Amino acid sequence: MTGLATQARFITLEGGEGAGKTTVLNALRDALRATGAEVVTTREPGGTPLAEQIRGLLLGTHHEPPSPHTELLLMFAARAQHVRETLLPALQRGAWVLCDRFTDSSYAYQGGGRNLDTDFIAELERRVVGIRPGLTLLLDVGVRQGRERMRGRDLLPDRIEREREDFFERVRAAYLARAEAEPDRTRVIDASASADEVASRAVALLQHYLGSVA
């Protein structure tokens, strides 16, 4: 991780489709606010007006699909804007930042799912992003269960959500490999349980983390 500055007040949520990140993010936000902290919640791709426009390009189905490298570079273009305009200003003023997805997603979706060179992703991370979270919670759920949850929401799937099951199996494997490689930063939560159970586990991990960085 040479060249990356760890931000102790930066917490990210990762996981495949249907893992329940939104519920957990809201629970973490409420727990942090209960301590009196300023909390900024954000997401990727997105988090600024320009980055949200790039999100539309990435996930929309109204144009030809981007090539794997185009997808990766658009992700990092949105992330570069997000870091500069949203994340660093919040962290520099002492706020806690909770982010639904960050660079781990690129290793999982573009590295694992699209089979792109992870050394290239690491170089982009170093040159374009420059920071990493102090804590990452990986919500792990089986691909079929996650996709069943997505179907139950009755939402129009975006371009990536329409990928085949083997794509998401590669994404999940990449996430778990990354978590195993960085155990000091990443905590894996079994997201096959109920939403309340998963949120409670996440808040407990947050409380333990707060004690370690106090």
N, C-alpha and C. Protein backbone atom coordinates (compact mmCIF):
# COMPACT_ATOMS: atom_id res chain seq x y z
N MET A 1 0.82 -1.21 0.00
CA MET A 1 0.00 0.00 0.00
C MET A 1 0.86 1.27 0.00
N THR A 2 2.04 1.18 -0.54
CA THR A 2 2.93 2.33 -0.59
C THR A 2 2.26 3.47 -1.35
N GLY A 3 2.37 4.68 -0.79
CA GLY A 3 1.83 5.84 -1.47
C GLY A 3 0.39 6.15 -1.13
N LEU A 4 -0.25 5.34 -0.29
CA LEU A 4 -1.64 5.59 0.11
C LEU A 4 -1.67 6.03 1.56
N ALA A 5 -2.38 7.12 1.80
CA ALA A 5 -2.52 7.64 3.17
C ALA A 5 -3.79 7.07 3.79
N THR A 6 -3.63 6.33 4.87
CA THR A 6 -4.79 5.77 5.56
C THR A 6 -5.51 6.87 6.33
N GLN A 7 -6.81 6.97 6.13
CA GLN A 7 -7.66 7.96 6.79
C GLN A 7 -8.51 7.27 7.85
N ALA A 8 -8.16 7.49 9.11
CA ALA A 8 -8.82 6.75 10.19
C ALA A 8 -10.32 7.01 10.27
N ARG A 9 -10.75 8.21 9.89
CA ARG A 9 -12.17 8.55 9.98
C ARG A 9 -12.96 8.22 8.71
N PHE A 10 -12.33 7.50 7.83
CA PHE A 10 -12.96 7.12 6.56
C PHE A 10 -13.31 5.63 6.63
N ILE A 11 -14.60 5.33 6.53
CA ILE A 11 -15.10 3.96 6.62
C ILE A 11 -15.87 3.64 5.35
N THR A 12 -15.54 2.49 4.76
CA THR A 12 -16.23 2.11 3.52
C THR A 12 -16.99 0.81 3.71
N LEU A 13 -18.06 0.69 2.93
CA LEU A 13 -18.87 -0.52 2.89
C LEU A 13 -18.73 -1.13 1.51
N GLU A 14 -18.48 -2.43 1.47
CA GLU A 14 -18.32 -3.12 0.21
C GLU A 14 -19.19 -4.38 0.22
N GLY A 15 -19.42 -4.91 -0.96
CA GLY A 15 -20.18 -6.14 -1.07
C GLY A 15 -20.85 -6.24 -2.42
N GLY A 16 -21.31 -7.43 -2.75
CA GLY A 16 -21.98 -7.66 -4.02
C GLY A 16 -23.40 -7.14 -4.02
N GLU A 17 -24.11 -7.45 -5.09
CA GLU A 17 -25.48 -6.99 -5.24
C GLU A 17 -26.35 -7.65 -4.18
N GLY A 18 -27.23 -6.84 -3.56
CA GLY A 18 -28.16 -7.37 -2.58
C GLY A 18 -27.57 -7.66 -1.22
N ALA A 19 -26.38 -7.12 -0.93
CA ALA A 19 -25.74 -7.40 0.35
C ALA A 19 -26.32 -6.58 1.50
N GLY A 20 -27.04 -5.51 1.19
CA GLY A 20 -27.67 -4.71 2.24
C GLY A 20 -26.83 -3.56 2.75
N LYS A 21 -26.02 -2.98 1.89
CA LYS A 21 -25.13 -1.91 2.32
C LYS A 21 -25.87 -0.67 2.81
N THR A 22 -26.98 -0.33 2.18
CA THR A 22 -27.70 0.89 2.55
C THR A 22 -28.19 0.82 3.99
N THR A 23 -28.75 -0.32 4.39
CA THR A 23 -29.23 -0.49 5.76
C THR A 23 -28.10 -0.35 6.76
N VAL A 24 -26.97 -0.96 6.44
CA VAL A 24 -25.82 -0.89 7.34
C VAL A 24 -25.27 0.53 7.40
N LEU A 25 -25.17 1.19 6.27
CA LEU A 25 -24.67 2.56 6.25
C LEU A 25 -25.52 3.45 7.15
N ASN A 26 -26.82 3.32 7.09
CA ASN A 26 -27.70 4.14 7.93
C ASN A 26 -27.50 3.84 9.41
N ALA A 27 -27.29 2.57 9.75
CA ALA A 27 -27.06 2.20 11.15
C ALA A 27 -25.73 2.76 11.65
N LEU A 28 -24.70 2.71 10.82
CA LEU A 28 -23.41 3.28 11.21
C LEU A 28 -23.49 4.78 11.35
N ARG A 29 -24.19 5.42 10.45
CA ARG A 29 -24.36 6.88 10.52
C ARG A 29 -25.02 7.27 11.84
N ASP A 30 -26.09 6.57 12.21
CA ASP A 30 -26.80 6.89 13.44
C ASP A 30 -25.92 6.66 14.66
N ALA A 31 -25.12 5.58 14.64
CA ALA A 31 -24.24 5.29 15.77
C ALA A 31 -23.17 6.36 15.93
N LEU A 32 -22.61 6.82 14.83
CA LEU A 32 -21.59 7.86 14.90
C LEU A 32 -22.19 9.20 15.34
N ARG A 33 -23.35 9.53 14.81
CA ARG A 33 -23.98 10.79 15.21
C ARG A 33 -24.35 10.80 16.68
N ALA A 34 -24.64 9.63 17.23
CA ALA A 34 -24.96 9.54 18.65
C ALA A 34 -23.77 9.93 19.53
N THR A 35 -22.57 9.89 18.97
CA THR A 35 -21.38 10.32 19.71
C THR A 35 -21.14 11.82 19.59
N GLY A 36 -21.96 12.48 18.78
CA GLY A 36 -21.80 13.92 18.57
C GLY A 36 -20.93 14.27 17.38
N ALA A 37 -20.51 13.26 16.61
CA ALA A 37 -19.62 13.51 15.48
C ALA A 37 -20.38 14.02 14.26
N GLU A 38 -19.68 14.81 13.46
CA GLU A 38 -20.21 15.13 12.14
C GLU A 38 -19.99 13.92 11.24
N VAL A 39 -21.02 13.53 10.49
CA VAL A 39 -20.92 12.36 9.64
C VAL A 39 -21.36 12.73 8.23
N VAL A 40 -20.52 12.41 7.27
CA VAL A 40 -20.84 12.60 5.85
C VAL A 40 -21.06 11.22 5.24
N THR A 41 -22.21 11.01 4.60
CA THR A 41 -22.47 9.77 3.89
C THR A 41 -22.44 10.03 2.39
N THR A 42 -21.83 9.11 1.66
CA THR A 42 -21.67 9.31 0.23
C THR A 42 -21.60 7.95 -0.46
N ARG A 43 -21.42 7.95 -1.77
CA ARG A 43 -21.42 6.70 -2.52
C ARG A 43 -20.52 6.79 -3.74
N GLU A 44 -20.19 5.61 -4.27
CA GLU A 44 -19.46 5.53 -5.53
C GLU A 44 -20.11 4.50 -6.44
N PRO A 45 -20.02 4.70 -7.76
CA PRO A 45 -19.57 5.97 -8.36
C PRO A 45 -20.57 7.07 -8.06
N GLY A 46 -20.05 8.27 -7.86
CA GLY A 46 -20.90 9.41 -7.52
C GLY A 46 -20.29 10.23 -6.41
N GLY A 47 -21.14 10.94 -5.69
CA GLY A 47 -20.68 11.71 -4.55
C GLY A 47 -20.43 13.17 -4.82
N THR A 48 -20.43 13.58 -6.09
CA THR A 48 -20.38 15.00 -6.48
C THR A 48 -21.26 15.13 -7.73
N PRO A 49 -21.68 16.34 -8.10
CA PRO A 49 -22.50 16.46 -9.31
C PRO A 49 -21.85 15.88 -10.55
N LEU A 50 -20.56 16.17 -10.75
CA LEU A 50 -19.88 15.63 -11.93
C LEU A 50 -19.75 14.11 -11.85
N ALA A 51 -19.37 13.61 -10.68
CA ALA A 51 -19.21 12.16 -10.52
C ALA A 51 -20.54 11.44 -10.70
N GLU A 52 -21.65 12.07 -10.31
CA GLU A 52 -22.96 11.46 -10.52
C GLU A 52 -23.29 11.38 -12.02
N GLN A 53 -22.84 12.36 -12.78
CA GLN A 53 -23.04 12.28 -14.23
C GLN A 53 -22.23 11.12 -14.82
N ILE A 54 -21.02 10.93 -14.32
CA ILE A 54 -20.21 9.80 -14.78
C ILE A 54 -20.89 8.49 -14.38
N ARG A 55 -21.51 8.46 -13.20
CA ARG A 55 -22.26 7.27 -12.77
C ARG A 55 -23.32 6.90 -13.81
N GLY A 56 -24.01 7.92 -14.31
CA GLY A 56 -25.02 7.67 -15.32
C GLY A 56 -24.44 7.02 -16.57
N LEU A 57 -23.25 7.46 -16.97
CA LEU A 57 -22.58 6.86 -18.12
C LEU A 57 -22.19 5.41 -17.83
N LEU A 58 -21.76 5.15 -16.62
CA LEU A 58 -21.29 3.82 -16.26
C LEU A 58 -22.42 2.80 -16.15
N LEU A 59 -23.52 3.22 -15.57
CA LEU A 59 -24.57 2.27 -15.23
C LEU A 59 -25.76 2.29 -16.18
N GLY A 60 -25.82 3.33 -17.04
CA GLY A 60 -26.94 3.45 -17.94
C GLY A 60 -26.95 2.38 -19.02
N THR A 61 -28.13 2.13 -19.57
CA THR A 61 -28.30 1.11 -20.60
C THR A 61 -28.75 1.72 -21.92
N HIS A 62 -28.67 3.06 -22.04
CA HIS A 62 -29.18 3.75 -23.22
C HIS A 62 -28.11 3.98 -24.28
N HIS A 63 -26.90 3.49 -24.06
CA HIS A 63 -25.83 3.64 -25.04
C HIS A 63 -25.06 2.32 -25.10
N GLU A 64 -24.10 2.23 -26.00
CA GLU A 64 -23.34 0.98 -26.10
C GLU A 64 -22.56 0.76 -24.81
N PRO A 65 -22.37 -0.48 -24.39
CA PRO A 65 -21.65 -0.74 -23.15
C PRO A 65 -20.19 -0.32 -23.28
N PRO A 66 -19.63 0.28 -22.23
CA PRO A 66 -18.21 0.64 -22.28
C PRO A 66 -17.35 -0.61 -22.27
N SER A 67 -16.18 -0.51 -22.89
CA SER A 67 -15.22 -1.61 -22.80
C SER A 67 -14.76 -1.73 -21.35
N PRO A 68 -14.18 -2.87 -20.96
CA PRO A 68 -13.70 -3.01 -19.58
C PRO A 68 -12.75 -1.90 -19.16
N HIS A 69 -11.82 -1.51 -20.04
CA HIS A 69 -10.89 -0.45 -19.66
C HIS A 69 -11.58 0.91 -19.58
N THR A 70 -12.54 1.16 -20.46
CA THR A 70 -13.32 2.40 -20.38
C THR A 70 -14.06 2.45 -19.04
N GLU A 71 -14.68 1.33 -18.67
CA GLU A 71 -15.39 1.25 -17.40
C GLU A 71 -14.46 1.56 -16.24
N LEU A 72 -13.28 0.96 -16.25
CA LEU A 72 -12.32 1.18 -15.16
C LEU A 72 -11.91 2.64 -15.09
N LEU A 73 -11.58 3.24 -16.23
CA LEU A 73 -11.10 4.61 -16.23
C LEU A 73 -12.21 5.59 -15.85
N LEU A 74 -13.44 5.32 -16.25
CA LEU A 74 -14.55 6.17 -15.82
C LEU A 74 -14.75 6.07 -14.31
N MET A 75 -14.61 4.87 -13.78
CA MET A 75 -14.72 4.69 -12.33
C MET A 75 -13.68 5.55 -11.60
N PHE A 76 -12.46 5.54 -12.11
CA PHE A 76 -11.42 6.30 -11.44
C PHE A 76 -11.55 7.80 -11.71
N ALA A 77 -12.11 8.18 -12.84
CA ALA A 77 -12.39 9.60 -13.08
C ALA A 77 -13.40 10.12 -12.06
N ALA A 78 -14.47 9.35 -11.85
CA ALA A 78 -15.47 9.73 -10.85
C ALA A 78 -14.85 9.74 -9.46
N ARG A 79 -14.00 8.76 -9.18
CA ARG A 79 -13.38 8.66 -7.84
C ARG A 79 -12.43 9.82 -7.58
N ALA A 80 -11.66 10.21 -8.59
CA ALA A 80 -10.74 11.33 -8.42
C ALA A 80 -11.50 12.60 -8.05
N GLN A 81 -12.63 12.83 -8.71
CA GLN A 81 -13.46 14.01 -8.40
C GLN A 81 -14.05 13.90 -7.00
N HIS A 82 -14.48 12.71 -6.65
CA HIS A 82 -15.09 12.46 -5.35
C HIS A 82 -14.10 12.72 -4.22
N VAL A 83 -12.88 12.21 -4.40
CA VAL A 83 -11.85 12.41 -3.37
C VAL A 83 -11.56 13.89 -3.19
N ARG A 84 -11.39 14.60 -4.28
CA ARG A 84 -11.02 16.02 -4.21
C ARG A 84 -12.14 16.90 -3.65
N GLU A 85 -13.36 16.66 -4.11
CA GLU A 85 -14.45 17.59 -3.80
C GLU A 85 -15.26 17.23 -2.56
N THR A 86 -15.28 15.95 -2.20
CA THR A 86 -16.13 15.53 -1.09
C THR A 86 -15.34 14.90 0.06
N LEU A 87 -14.54 13.89 -0.25
CA LEU A 87 -13.91 13.12 0.82
C LEU A 87 -12.84 13.90 1.56
N LEU A 88 -11.86 14.43 0.86
CA LEU A 88 -10.78 15.13 1.56
C LEU A 88 -11.26 16.36 2.33
N PRO A 89 -12.12 17.21 1.76
CA PRO A 89 -12.61 18.34 2.55
C PRO A 89 -13.29 17.92 3.84
N ALA A 90 -14.09 16.86 3.79
CA ALA A 90 -14.78 16.39 5.00
C ALA A 90 -13.78 15.85 6.01
N LEU A 91 -12.84 15.04 5.56
CA LEU A 91 -11.85 14.46 6.46
C LEU A 91 -10.95 15.52 7.06
N GLN A 92 -10.60 16.51 6.26
CA GLN A 92 -9.71 17.56 6.75
C GLN A 92 -10.35 18.43 7.82
N ARG A 93 -11.66 18.54 7.81
CA ARG A 93 -12.32 19.31 8.88
C ARG A 93 -12.72 18.44 10.07
N GLY A 94 -12.34 17.16 10.04
CA GLY A 94 -12.56 16.28 11.18
C GLY A 94 -13.82 15.48 11.16
N ALA A 95 -14.55 15.50 10.06
CA ALA A 95 -15.78 14.71 9.96
C ALA A 95 -15.45 13.24 9.74
N TRP A 96 -16.39 12.38 10.10
CA TRP A 96 -16.34 10.97 9.72
C TRP A 96 -17.02 10.83 8.37
N VAL A 97 -16.47 9.99 7.53
CA VAL A 97 -17.04 9.76 6.20
C VAL A 97 -17.39 8.28 6.05
N LEU A 98 -18.65 8.03 5.71
CA LEU A 98 -19.12 6.69 5.40
C LEU A 98 -19.42 6.62 3.92
N CYS A 99 -18.79 5.68 3.22
CA CYS A 99 -18.92 5.62 1.77
C CYS A 99 -19.39 4.24 1.33
N ASP A 100 -20.46 4.23 0.56
CA ASP A 100 -20.97 3.01 -0.07
C ASP A 100 -20.13 2.75 -1.31
N ARG A 101 -19.16 1.88 -1.18
CA ARG A 101 -18.18 1.48 -2.19
C ARG A 101 -17.04 2.50 -2.30
N PHE A 102 -15.85 1.95 -2.56
CA PHE A 102 -14.67 2.76 -2.84
C PHE A 102 -13.74 1.92 -3.72
N THR A 103 -12.45 2.09 -3.61
CA THR A 103 -11.53 1.47 -4.56
C THR A 103 -11.57 -0.05 -4.53
N ASP A 104 -11.91 -0.64 -3.39
CA ASP A 104 -12.04 -2.10 -3.36
C ASP A 104 -13.01 -2.60 -4.42
N SER A 105 -14.03 -1.81 -4.72
CA SER A 105 -14.99 -2.20 -5.75
C SER A 105 -14.34 -2.35 -7.12
N SER A 106 -13.36 -1.50 -7.40
CA SER A 106 -12.68 -1.61 -8.69
C SER A 106 -11.84 -2.89 -8.76
N TYR A 107 -11.20 -3.24 -7.65
CA TYR A 107 -10.47 -4.51 -7.64
C TYR A 107 -11.43 -5.69 -7.82
N ALA A 108 -12.63 -5.59 -7.24
CA ALA A 108 -13.59 -6.69 -7.32
C ALA A 108 -14.30 -6.75 -8.66
N TYR A 109 -14.87 -5.61 -9.09
CA TYR A 109 -15.70 -5.62 -10.30
C TYR A 109 -14.88 -5.55 -11.59
N GLN A 110 -13.91 -4.64 -11.63
CA GLN A 110 -13.11 -4.55 -12.85
C GLN A 110 -11.93 -5.53 -12.82
N GLY A 111 -11.33 -5.74 -11.65
CA GLY A 111 -10.26 -6.71 -11.55
C GLY A 111 -10.78 -8.14 -11.60
N GLY A 112 -11.66 -8.49 -10.66
CA GLY A 112 -12.21 -9.84 -10.63
C GLY A 112 -13.23 -10.09 -11.71
N GLY A 113 -14.25 -9.24 -11.77
CA GLY A 113 -15.34 -9.45 -12.72
C GLY A 113 -14.92 -9.33 -14.17
N ARG A 114 -14.12 -8.29 -14.48
CA ARG A 114 -13.71 -8.05 -15.88
C ARG A 114 -12.33 -8.62 -16.20
N ASN A 115 -11.67 -9.20 -15.21
CA ASN A 115 -10.35 -9.82 -15.42
C ASN A 115 -9.29 -8.81 -15.86
N LEU A 116 -9.38 -7.58 -15.39
CA LEU A 116 -8.36 -6.58 -15.71
C LEU A 116 -7.17 -6.72 -14.75
N ASP A 117 -6.04 -6.21 -15.19
CA ASP A 117 -4.78 -6.32 -14.46
C ASP A 117 -4.87 -5.53 -13.15
N THR A 118 -4.75 -6.22 -12.03
CA THR A 118 -4.85 -5.54 -10.74
C THR A 118 -3.65 -4.65 -10.45
N ASP A 119 -2.51 -4.93 -11.08
CA ASP A 119 -1.37 -4.02 -10.92
C ASP A 119 -1.68 -2.65 -11.54
N PHE A 120 -2.40 -2.66 -12.64
CA PHE A 120 -2.81 -1.40 -13.28
C PHE A 120 -3.80 -0.66 -12.38
N ILE A 121 -4.72 -1.41 -11.77
CA ILE A 121 -5.67 -0.79 -10.84
C ILE A 121 -4.92 -0.18 -9.65
N ALA A 122 -3.93 -0.90 -9.14
CA ALA A 122 -3.15 -0.39 -8.01
C ALA A 122 -2.40 0.88 -8.38
N GLU A 123 -1.91 0.94 -9.61
CA GLU A 123 -1.20 2.15 -10.06
C GLU A 123 -2.16 3.33 -10.16
N LEU A 124 -3.36 3.08 -10.67
CA LEU A 124 -4.38 4.15 -10.70
C LEU A 124 -4.74 4.58 -9.29
N GLU A 125 -4.88 3.62 -8.39
CA GLU A 125 -5.20 3.94 -7.00
C GLU A 125 -4.13 4.85 -6.40
N ARG A 126 -2.89 4.51 -6.64
CA ARG A 126 -1.79 5.29 -6.07
C ARG A 126 -1.73 6.69 -6.67
N ARG A 127 -1.86 6.78 -7.99
CA ARG A 127 -1.68 8.06 -8.67
C ARG A 127 -2.91 8.96 -8.61
N VAL A 128 -4.10 8.38 -8.62
CA VAL A 128 -5.33 9.15 -8.77
C VAL A 128 -6.08 9.32 -7.45
N VAL A 129 -6.01 8.32 -6.59
CA VAL A 129 -6.81 8.33 -5.36
C VAL A 129 -5.97 8.80 -4.18
N GLY A 130 -4.92 8.08 -3.85
CA GLY A 130 -3.98 8.51 -2.83
C GLY A 130 -4.37 8.25 -1.39
N ILE A 131 -5.62 7.82 -1.16
CA ILE A 131 -6.06 7.54 0.22
C ILE A 131 -6.73 6.18 0.26
N ARG A 132 -6.78 5.64 1.47
CA ARG A 132 -7.54 4.42 1.68
C ARG A 132 -8.26 4.53 3.02
N PRO A 133 -9.35 3.79 3.21
CA PRO A 133 -10.09 3.88 4.47
C PRO A 133 -9.36 3.23 5.63
N GLY A 134 -9.69 3.69 6.82
CA GLY A 134 -9.15 3.04 8.00
C GLY A 134 -9.86 1.74 8.31
N LEU A 135 -11.14 1.66 7.90
CA LEU A 135 -11.94 0.45 8.15
C LEU A 135 -12.82 0.20 6.95
N THR A 136 -12.84 -1.04 6.51
CA THR A 136 -13.75 -1.47 5.45
C THR A 136 -14.56 -2.65 5.95
N LEU A 137 -15.87 -2.56 5.83
CA LEU A 137 -16.76 -3.66 6.18
C LEU A 137 -17.24 -4.31 4.89
N LEU A 138 -16.89 -5.57 4.71
CA LEU A 138 -17.30 -6.32 3.53
C LEU A 138 -18.52 -7.16 3.89
N LEU A 139 -19.65 -6.83 3.30
CA LEU A 139 -20.88 -7.59 3.53
C LEU A 139 -20.92 -8.72 2.51
N ASP A 140 -20.72 -9.92 2.98
CA ASP A 140 -20.59 -11.08 2.09
C ASP A 140 -21.87 -11.90 2.08
N VAL A 141 -22.41 -12.09 0.90
CA VAL A 141 -23.61 -12.92 0.74
C VAL A 141 -23.45 -13.73 -0.54
N GLY A 142 -24.01 -14.92 -0.55
CA GLY A 142 -23.95 -15.74 -1.75
C GLY A 142 -24.58 -15.03 -2.94
N VAL A 143 -24.04 -15.30 -4.11
CA VAL A 143 -24.50 -14.59 -5.31
C VAL A 143 -25.98 -14.81 -5.55
N ARG A 144 -26.44 -16.03 -5.46
CA ARG A 144 -27.85 -16.30 -5.74
C ARG A 144 -28.77 -15.63 -4.74
N GLN A 145 -28.40 -15.67 -3.46
CA GLN A 145 -29.23 -15.00 -2.46
C GLN A 145 -29.26 -13.50 -2.69
N GLY A 146 -28.12 -12.91 -3.00
CA GLY A 146 -28.08 -11.48 -3.26
C GLY A 146 -28.92 -11.08 -4.45
N ARG A 147 -28.86 -11.88 -5.51
CA ARG A 147 -29.64 -11.56 -6.70
C ARG A 147 -31.13 -11.75 -6.46
N GLU A 148 -31.49 -12.72 -5.64
CA GLU A 148 -32.91 -12.89 -5.28
C GLU A 148 -33.41 -11.67 -4.53
N ARG A 149 -32.58 -11.13 -3.64
CA ARG A 149 -32.97 -9.92 -2.92
C ARG A 149 -33.18 -8.76 -3.88
N MET A 150 -32.29 -8.64 -4.86
CA MET A 150 -32.42 -7.55 -5.83
C MET A 150 -33.71 -7.68 -6.63
N ARG A 151 -34.04 -8.91 -7.02
CA ARG A 151 -35.28 -9.11 -7.77
C ARG A 151 -36.49 -8.76 -6.93
N GLY A 152 -36.40 -8.99 -5.62
CA GLY A 152 -37.52 -8.69 -4.73
C GLY A 152 -37.77 -7.21 -4.55
N ARG A 153 -36.82 -6.37 -4.93
CA ARG A 153 -37.00 -4.93 -4.78
C ARG A 153 -37.78 -4.30 -5.92
N ASP A 154 -38.02 -5.06 -6.98
CA ASP A 154 -38.81 -4.57 -8.11
C ASP A 154 -38.23 -3.30 -8.71
N LEU A 155 -36.89 -3.25 -8.81
CA LEU A 155 -36.22 -2.11 -9.41
C LEU A 155 -35.70 -2.48 -10.79
N LEU A 156 -35.60 -1.50 -11.66
CA LEU A 156 -35.04 -1.75 -12.99
C LEU A 156 -33.53 -1.92 -12.84
N PRO A 157 -32.97 -3.07 -13.17
CA PRO A 157 -31.54 -3.29 -12.96
C PRO A 157 -30.70 -2.40 -13.88
N ASP A 158 -29.57 -1.92 -13.33
CA ASP A 158 -28.67 -1.13 -14.16
C ASP A 158 -27.79 -2.06 -14.99
N ARG A 159 -26.87 -1.49 -15.74
CA ARG A 159 -26.08 -2.28 -16.68
C ARG A 159 -25.27 -3.36 -15.98
N ILE A 160 -24.64 -3.03 -14.86
CA ILE A 160 -23.80 -4.02 -14.18
C ILE A 160 -24.67 -5.06 -13.47
N GLU A 161 -25.78 -4.64 -12.91
CA GLU A 161 -26.67 -5.60 -12.25
C GLU A 161 -27.21 -6.65 -13.21
N ARG A 162 -27.16 -6.37 -14.51
CA ARG A 162 -27.65 -7.32 -15.51
C ARG A 162 -26.62 -8.37 -15.92
N GLU A 163 -25.43 -8.31 -15.33
CA GLU A 163 -24.40 -9.27 -15.67
C GLU A 163 -24.79 -10.69 -15.26
N ARG A 164 -24.09 -11.66 -15.82
CA ARG A 164 -24.38 -13.07 -15.55
C ARG A 164 -23.85 -13.48 -14.19
N GLU A 165 -24.33 -14.62 -13.72
CA GLU A 165 -23.98 -15.09 -12.38
C GLU A 165 -22.48 -15.34 -12.23
N ASP A 166 -21.83 -15.86 -13.29
CA ASP A 166 -20.40 -16.15 -13.16
C ASP A 166 -19.58 -14.87 -12.96
N PHE A 167 -20.05 -13.75 -13.51
CA PHE A 167 -19.40 -12.46 -13.27
C PHE A 167 -19.41 -12.14 -11.78
N PHE A 168 -20.58 -12.29 -11.15
CA PHE A 168 -20.69 -11.95 -9.73
C PHE A 168 -19.96 -12.94 -8.84
N GLU A 169 -19.82 -14.17 -9.29
CA GLU A 169 -19.01 -15.12 -8.53
C GLU A 169 -17.55 -14.68 -8.52
N ARG A 170 -17.07 -14.18 -9.65
CA ARG A 170 -15.69 -13.67 -9.70
C ARG A 170 -15.54 -12.42 -8.83
N VAL A 171 -16.55 -11.57 -8.83
CA VAL A 171 -16.53 -10.38 -7.98
C VAL A 171 -16.43 -10.78 -6.51
N ARG A 172 -17.27 -11.72 -6.11
CA ARG A 172 -17.26 -12.15 -4.71
C ARG A 172 -15.92 -12.75 -4.33
N ALA A 173 -15.36 -13.58 -5.19
CA ALA A 173 -14.06 -14.20 -4.90
C ALA A 173 -12.97 -13.14 -4.77
N ALA A 174 -13.02 -12.12 -5.62
CA ALA A 174 -12.02 -11.05 -5.54
C ALA A 174 -12.15 -10.26 -4.25
N TYR A 175 -13.38 -10.00 -3.84
CA TYR A 175 -13.60 -9.31 -2.57
C TYR A 175 -13.01 -10.10 -1.41
N LEU A 176 -13.31 -11.39 -1.36
CA LEU A 176 -12.85 -12.21 -0.24
C LEU A 176 -11.34 -12.34 -0.24
N ALA A 177 -10.74 -12.43 -1.41
CA ALA A 177 -9.27 -12.50 -1.49
C ALA A 177 -8.65 -11.21 -1.00
N ARG A 178 -9.26 -10.11 -1.34
CA ARG A 178 -8.74 -8.81 -0.91
C ARG A 178 -8.88 -8.66 0.61
N ALA A 179 -9.99 -9.10 1.16
CA ALA A 179 -10.19 -9.04 2.61
C ALA A 179 -9.15 -9.90 3.33
N GLU A 180 -8.87 -11.07 2.77
CA GLU A 180 -7.87 -11.95 3.39
C GLU A 180 -6.48 -11.32 3.34
N ALA A 181 -6.21 -10.57 2.27
CA ALA A 181 -4.89 -9.95 2.12
C ALA A 181 -4.71 -8.73 3.02
N GLU A 182 -5.82 -8.12 3.45
CA GLU A 182 -5.73 -6.91 4.29
C GLU A 182 -6.61 -7.06 5.54
N PRO A 183 -6.28 -8.01 6.41
CA PRO A 183 -7.13 -8.26 7.58
C PRO A 183 -7.13 -7.13 8.60
N ASP A 184 -6.10 -6.30 8.62
CA ASP A 184 -6.06 -5.21 9.58
C ASP A 184 -7.10 -4.13 9.25
N ARG A 185 -7.43 -4.01 7.98
CA ARG A 185 -8.38 -2.98 7.55
C ARG A 185 -9.78 -3.51 7.33
N THR A 186 -9.89 -4.74 6.88
CA THR A 186 -11.17 -5.26 6.40
C THR A 186 -11.78 -6.25 7.38
N ARG A 187 -13.07 -6.09 7.61
CA ARG A 187 -13.83 -7.04 8.42
C ARG A 187 -14.95 -7.61 7.54
N VAL A 188 -15.05 -8.93 7.51
CA VAL A 188 -16.07 -9.59 6.71
C VAL A 188 -17.27 -9.90 7.59
N ILE A 189 -18.45 -9.51 7.13
CA ILE A 189 -19.69 -9.75 7.85
C ILE A 189 -20.56 -10.69 7.01
N ASP A 190 -21.07 -11.73 7.63
CA ASP A 190 -22.00 -12.64 6.95
C ASP A 190 -23.31 -11.90 6.73
N ALA A 191 -23.56 -11.52 5.48
CA ALA A 191 -24.74 -10.73 5.16
C ALA A 191 -25.92 -11.58 4.74
N SER A 192 -25.83 -12.91 4.95
CA SER A 192 -26.97 -13.78 4.64
C SER A 192 -28.03 -13.72 5.73
N ALA A 193 -27.68 -13.16 6.89
CA ALA A 193 -28.61 -13.04 8.01
C ALA A 193 -29.61 -11.91 7.74
N SER A 194 -30.50 -11.68 8.70
CA SER A 194 -31.49 -10.61 8.56
C SER A 194 -30.81 -9.25 8.55
N ALA A 195 -31.49 -8.26 8.00
CA ALA A 195 -30.93 -6.92 7.92
C ALA A 195 -30.58 -6.38 9.30
N ASP A 196 -31.43 -6.62 10.28
CA ASP A 196 -31.18 -6.14 11.64
C ASP A 196 -29.94 -6.79 12.24
N GLU A 197 -29.78 -8.10 12.03
CA GLU A 197 -28.61 -8.80 12.56
C GLU A 197 -27.32 -8.28 11.92
N VAL A 198 -27.36 -8.08 10.62
CA VAL A 198 -26.17 -7.59 9.92
C VAL A 198 -25.82 -6.19 10.40
N ALA A 199 -26.83 -5.33 10.54
CA ALA A 199 -26.58 -3.96 11.01
C ALA A 199 -26.01 -3.97 12.42
N SER A 200 -26.54 -4.83 13.30
CA SER A 200 -26.03 -4.91 14.67
C SER A 200 -24.58 -5.34 14.71
N ARG A 201 -24.23 -6.31 13.87
CA ARG A 201 -22.84 -6.76 13.80
C ARG A 201 -21.94 -5.64 13.31
N ALA A 202 -22.40 -4.90 12.32
CA ALA A 202 -21.60 -3.80 11.78
C ALA A 202 -21.39 -2.71 12.83
N VAL A 203 -22.43 -2.38 13.59
CA VAL A 203 -22.29 -1.36 14.63
C VAL A 203 -21.34 -1.83 15.72
N ALA A 204 -21.39 -3.12 16.06
CA ALA A 204 -20.46 -3.65 17.06
C ALA A 204 -19.00 -3.53 16.58
N LEU A 205 -18.77 -3.82 15.32
CA LEU A 205 -17.43 -3.67 14.77
C LEU A 205 -17.00 -2.21 14.75
N LEU A 206 -17.94 -1.33 14.46
CA LEU A 206 -17.64 0.10 14.49
C LEU A 206 -17.24 0.53 15.90
N GLN A 207 -17.99 0.10 16.90
CA GLN A 207 -17.68 0.48 18.28
C GLN A 207 -16.29 0.00 18.68
N HIS A 208 -15.95 -1.20 18.26
CA HIS A 208 -14.61 -1.73 18.56
C HIS A 208 -13.55 -0.88 17.86
N TYR A 209 -13.82 -0.52 16.62
CA TYR A 209 -12.88 0.31 15.86
C TYR A 209 -12.71 1.68 16.50
N LEU A 210 -13.80 2.29 16.95
CA LEU A 210 -13.72 3.59 17.61
C LEU A 210 -12.81 3.53 18.83
N GLY A 211 -12.89 2.43 19.58
CA GLY A 211 -12.04 2.28 20.73
C GLY A 211 -10.57 2.17 20.37
N SER A 212 -10.29 1.62 19.19
CA SER A 212 -8.90 1.44 18.78
C SER A 212 -8.27 2.71 18.22
N VAL A 213 -9.09 3.65 17.76
CA VAL A 213 -8.54 4.88 17.16
C VAL A 213 -8.73 6.08 18.08
N ALA A 214 -9.35 5.88 19.21
CA ALA A 214 -9.59 7.00 20.13
C ALA A 214 -8.28 7.58 20.64
